[in-house]
Amino acid sequence: MYKHLKLTLFFLLVLITVHGVQVFAQQTYAVAPKPEMKVSGTSTIHDWDMVSEEASGKASIRLSAGKVTAIQSVEIIMPVKSLKSGKGPMDKNAYNALKEADHPEITFKMLEAHQDGGSDWKVSGRLQIAGETQTVPFMVQFSREDEGISLTGSADVKLTDFKVDPPTAVFGTIKTGDEMTISVKMKLNPIN
């Protein structure tokens, strides 16, 4: 009887340990199809947006009770030419300004992440645009969506911080502002 009780307690301990590991284990996620990556700015005649629905990347995230409790890593890659404004000449000027021929991708690699209350996080990382890299903080919100995680966030940057001259048109009479906002909205699906 005593031996049977010891065996039962042993299996119960193993079950609790395994269950605990599953609840708090890091999970790797991949960017789901059709993310929305948007760059917004101003010019001397109107505000503008360029939107991409192409990006790839991975994140290692820990969940507990359906909430993000730790972010180990995030890496995102977006092709420059996937950014579209709906205006061909504007797109061409933007690709030239972003030196797309030599640097065809915009990349982000997380350095650190801190919870900023509730589902809000400050995720800082190395953002590379036009071959120049700067540390940029993104304010990000996470929420559970089916088996995956929904992520939305944004960061304000200056083109000149990346040694990009704000594009001009019509012999310099139309000028793009230096400041722009990068917005991200995507789903992360678990990698099995």
Protein backbone atom coordinates (compact mmCIF):
# COMPACT_ATOMS: atom_id res chain seq x y z
CA MET A 1 0.00 0.00 0.00
CA TYR A 2 2.80 2.43 0.95
CA LYS A 3 4.64 1.58 -2.29
CA HIS A 4 1.47 2.26 -4.31
CA LEU A 5 1.03 5.67 -2.59
CA LYS A 6 4.67 6.61 -3.33
CA LEU A 7 4.22 5.64 -7.00
CA THR A 8 0.99 7.68 -7.25
CA LEU A 9 2.66 10.74 -5.67
CA PHE A 10 5.62 10.38 -8.03
CA PHE A 11 3.36 10.33 -11.12
CA LEU A 12 1.35 13.26 -9.75
CA LEU A 13 4.56 15.26 -9.28
CA VAL A 14 5.68 14.44 -12.83
CA LEU A 15 2.27 15.49 -14.20
CA ILE A 16 2.34 18.81 -12.33
CA THR A 17 5.91 19.49 -13.47
CA VAL A 18 5.15 18.73 -17.13
CA HIS A 19 1.94 20.78 -17.03
CA GLY A 20 3.80 23.70 -15.43
CA VAL A 21 6.50 23.59 -18.10
CA GLN A 22 3.87 23.67 -20.86
CA VAL A 23 2.08 26.66 -19.33
CA PHE A 24 5.25 28.77 -19.02
CA ALA A 25 7.28 27.49 -22.00
CA GLN A 26 8.53 29.86 -24.66
CA GLN A 27 6.73 29.38 -27.97
CA THR A 28 8.06 30.38 -31.36
CA TYR A 29 5.64 32.25 -33.61
CA ALA A 30 5.83 33.23 -37.29
CA VAL A 31 4.31 36.25 -38.99
CA ALA A 32 0.98 35.19 -40.56
CA PRO A 33 0.13 36.07 -44.17
CA LYS A 34 -1.16 39.59 -44.96
CA PRO A 35 0.36 41.67 -42.15
CA GLU A 36 -0.16 45.42 -42.41
CA MET A 37 3.00 47.48 -42.24
CA LYS A 38 2.31 51.18 -42.78
CA VAL A 39 4.60 54.20 -43.11
CA SER A 40 2.84 57.55 -42.70
CA GLY A 41 4.18 61.05 -43.18
CA THR A 42 3.54 64.55 -44.42
CA SER A 43 4.49 66.68 -47.38
CA THR A 44 4.04 70.29 -48.39
CA ILE A 45 0.74 69.41 -50.12
CA HIS A 46 -0.80 66.46 -48.22
CA ASP A 47 -0.30 63.67 -45.69
CA TRP A 48 0.60 60.29 -47.18
CA ASP A 49 0.64 56.57 -46.37
CA MET A 50 2.56 53.70 -47.89
CA VAL A 51 1.29 50.22 -46.97
CA SER A 52 2.85 46.77 -47.26
CA GLU A 53 1.12 43.43 -46.79
CA GLU A 54 4.37 41.50 -47.03
CA ALA A 55 6.64 40.66 -44.14
CA SER A 56 8.32 37.63 -42.69
CA GLY A 57 9.76 36.98 -39.30
CA LYS A 58 9.64 35.14 -36.02
CA ALA A 59 9.10 35.88 -32.36
CA SER A 60 9.75 33.86 -29.22
CA ILE A 61 7.07 34.70 -26.67
CA ARG A 62 5.93 33.27 -23.34
CA LEU A 63 2.24 33.17 -22.46
CA SER A 64 0.62 32.56 -19.11
CA ALA A 65 -3.15 32.43 -18.65
CA GLY A 66 -3.58 33.72 -22.22
CA LYS A 67 -1.41 36.84 -21.68
CA VAL A 68 2.08 37.65 -22.91
CA THR A 69 4.43 37.49 -19.92
CA ALA A 70 7.83 37.59 -21.65
CA ILE A 71 9.25 38.36 -25.08
CA GLN A 72 12.54 36.62 -25.79
CA SER A 73 13.08 37.72 -29.40
CA VAL A 74 11.45 39.40 -32.39
CA GLU A 75 12.81 39.62 -35.94
CA ILE A 76 10.86 41.13 -38.84
CA ILE A 77 11.87 41.60 -42.49
CA MET A 78 9.88 43.65 -45.02
CA PRO A 79 10.76 44.18 -48.71
CA VAL A 80 11.03 47.89 -49.51
CA LYS A 81 9.24 47.42 -52.85
CA SER A 82 6.22 45.94 -51.06
CA LEU A 83 5.41 49.46 -49.77
CA LYS A 84 2.72 50.99 -52.00
CA SER A 85 1.06 54.41 -51.91
CA GLY A 86 -1.26 53.90 -54.89
CA LYS A 87 0.76 56.53 -56.77
CA GLY A 88 3.50 55.12 -59.01
CA PRO A 89 5.74 58.22 -59.13
CA MET A 90 5.61 58.58 -55.33
CA ASP A 91 6.55 54.92 -54.90
CA LYS A 92 9.49 55.31 -57.27
CA ASN A 93 10.74 58.41 -55.38
CA ALA A 94 10.40 56.55 -52.07
CA TYR A 95 12.32 53.48 -53.34
CA ASN A 96 15.12 55.75 -54.60
CA ALA A 97 15.25 57.67 -51.29
CA LEU A 98 15.35 54.36 -49.34
CA LYS A 99 18.22 53.12 -51.59
CA GLU A 100 16.20 50.02 -52.45
CA ALA A 101 18.64 48.90 -55.17
CA ASP A 102 21.38 48.43 -52.54
CA HIS A 103 19.20 47.75 -49.49
CA PRO A 104 16.04 45.92 -50.62
CA GLU A 105 14.76 45.14 -47.09
CA ILE A 106 13.78 47.00 -43.95
CA THR A 107 14.58 44.89 -40.88
CA PHE A 108 13.88 44.99 -37.15
CA LYS A 109 15.64 42.89 -34.51
CA MET A 110 14.57 43.22 -30.88
CA LEU A 111 17.11 44.13 -28.20
CA GLU A 112 14.81 44.30 -25.16
CA ALA A 113 11.15 44.35 -24.16
CA HIS A 114 9.48 45.75 -21.05
CA GLN A 115 5.86 45.49 -20.05
CA ASP A 116 4.29 48.94 -19.85
CA GLY A 117 1.08 47.93 -18.07
CA GLY A 118 -1.61 45.43 -19.06
CA SER A 119 -1.11 44.26 -22.63
CA ASP A 120 1.17 47.23 -23.50
CA TRP A 121 4.87 46.65 -24.11
CA LYS A 122 7.84 48.81 -25.06
CA VAL A 123 9.87 46.76 -27.53
CA SER A 124 13.21 48.36 -28.46
CA GLY A 125 15.32 47.04 -31.27
CA ARG A 126 17.66 47.68 -34.16
CA LEU A 127 15.70 49.09 -37.11
CA GLN A 128 17.59 49.10 -40.39
CA ILE A 129 16.43 51.39 -43.20
CA ALA A 130 18.50 52.19 -46.32
CA GLY A 131 21.49 50.37 -44.82
CA GLU A 132 21.56 52.51 -41.67
CA THR A 133 20.68 51.05 -38.27
CA GLN A 134 19.18 52.90 -35.29
CA THR A 135 17.74 51.71 -31.99
CA VAL A 136 14.01 52.45 -32.07
CA PRO A 137 11.34 51.86 -29.38
CA PHE A 138 8.00 50.51 -30.60
CA MET A 139 4.97 50.77 -28.35
CA VAL A 140 3.21 47.42 -28.86
CA GLN A 141 -0.02 45.78 -27.69
CA PHE A 142 -0.57 42.02 -27.69
CA SER A 143 -3.82 40.09 -27.50
CA ARG A 144 -4.70 36.41 -27.82
CA GLU A 145 -6.33 35.49 -31.15
CA ASP A 146 -7.34 31.85 -31.63
CA GLU A 147 -4.11 29.84 -31.28
CA GLY A 148 -1.99 32.85 -32.19
CA ILE A 149 -1.23 36.35 -30.95
CA SER A 150 -2.38 39.65 -32.46
CA LEU A 151 0.22 42.41 -32.39
CA THR A 152 -0.29 46.13 -33.06
CA GLY A 153 2.25 48.86 -32.53
CA SER A 154 3.94 51.99 -33.78
CA ALA A 155 7.11 54.05 -33.62
CA ASP A 156 8.03 57.57 -34.72
CA VAL A 157 11.28 58.00 -36.63
CA LYS A 158 13.07 60.62 -38.70
CA LEU A 159 14.30 59.84 -42.20
CA THR A 160 17.48 61.84 -41.58
CA ASP A 161 18.35 59.57 -38.62
CA PHE A 162 18.81 56.86 -41.27
CA LYS A 163 20.73 59.22 -43.58
CA VAL A 164 17.76 59.35 -45.94
CA ASP A 165 17.06 62.69 -47.61
CA PRO A 166 13.29 63.31 -47.50
CA PRO A 167 12.07 62.86 -51.09
CA THR A 168 11.07 65.82 -53.25
CA ALA A 169 9.07 66.11 -56.47
CA VAL A 170 8.28 68.67 -59.17
CA PHE A 171 11.75 70.24 -59.09
CA GLY A 172 11.76 70.45 -55.30
CA THR A 173 8.45 72.31 -54.95
CA ILE A 174 6.85 69.32 -53.17
CA LYS A 175 8.81 68.21 -50.12
CA THR A 176 8.29 65.24 -47.83
CA GLY A 177 8.55 65.88 -44.10
CA ASP A 178 11.43 64.34 -42.15
CA GLU A 179 9.24 62.70 -39.50
CA MET A 180 7.22 59.57 -40.17
CA THR A 181 5.31 56.95 -38.20
CA ILE A 182 5.77 53.24 -38.73
CA SER A 183 2.65 51.25 -37.77
CA VAL A 184 2.44 47.48 -37.54
CA LYS A 185 -0.62 45.23 -37.36
CA MET A 186 -0.13 41.49 -37.69
CA LYS A 187 -0.98 38.06 -36.38
CA LEU A 188 1.67 35.69 -35.10
CA ASN A 189 0.91 31.99 -35.54
CA PRO A 190 2.60 29.31 -33.43
CA ILE A 191 5.20 27.19 -35.17
CA ASN A 192 4.59 23.53 -34.28
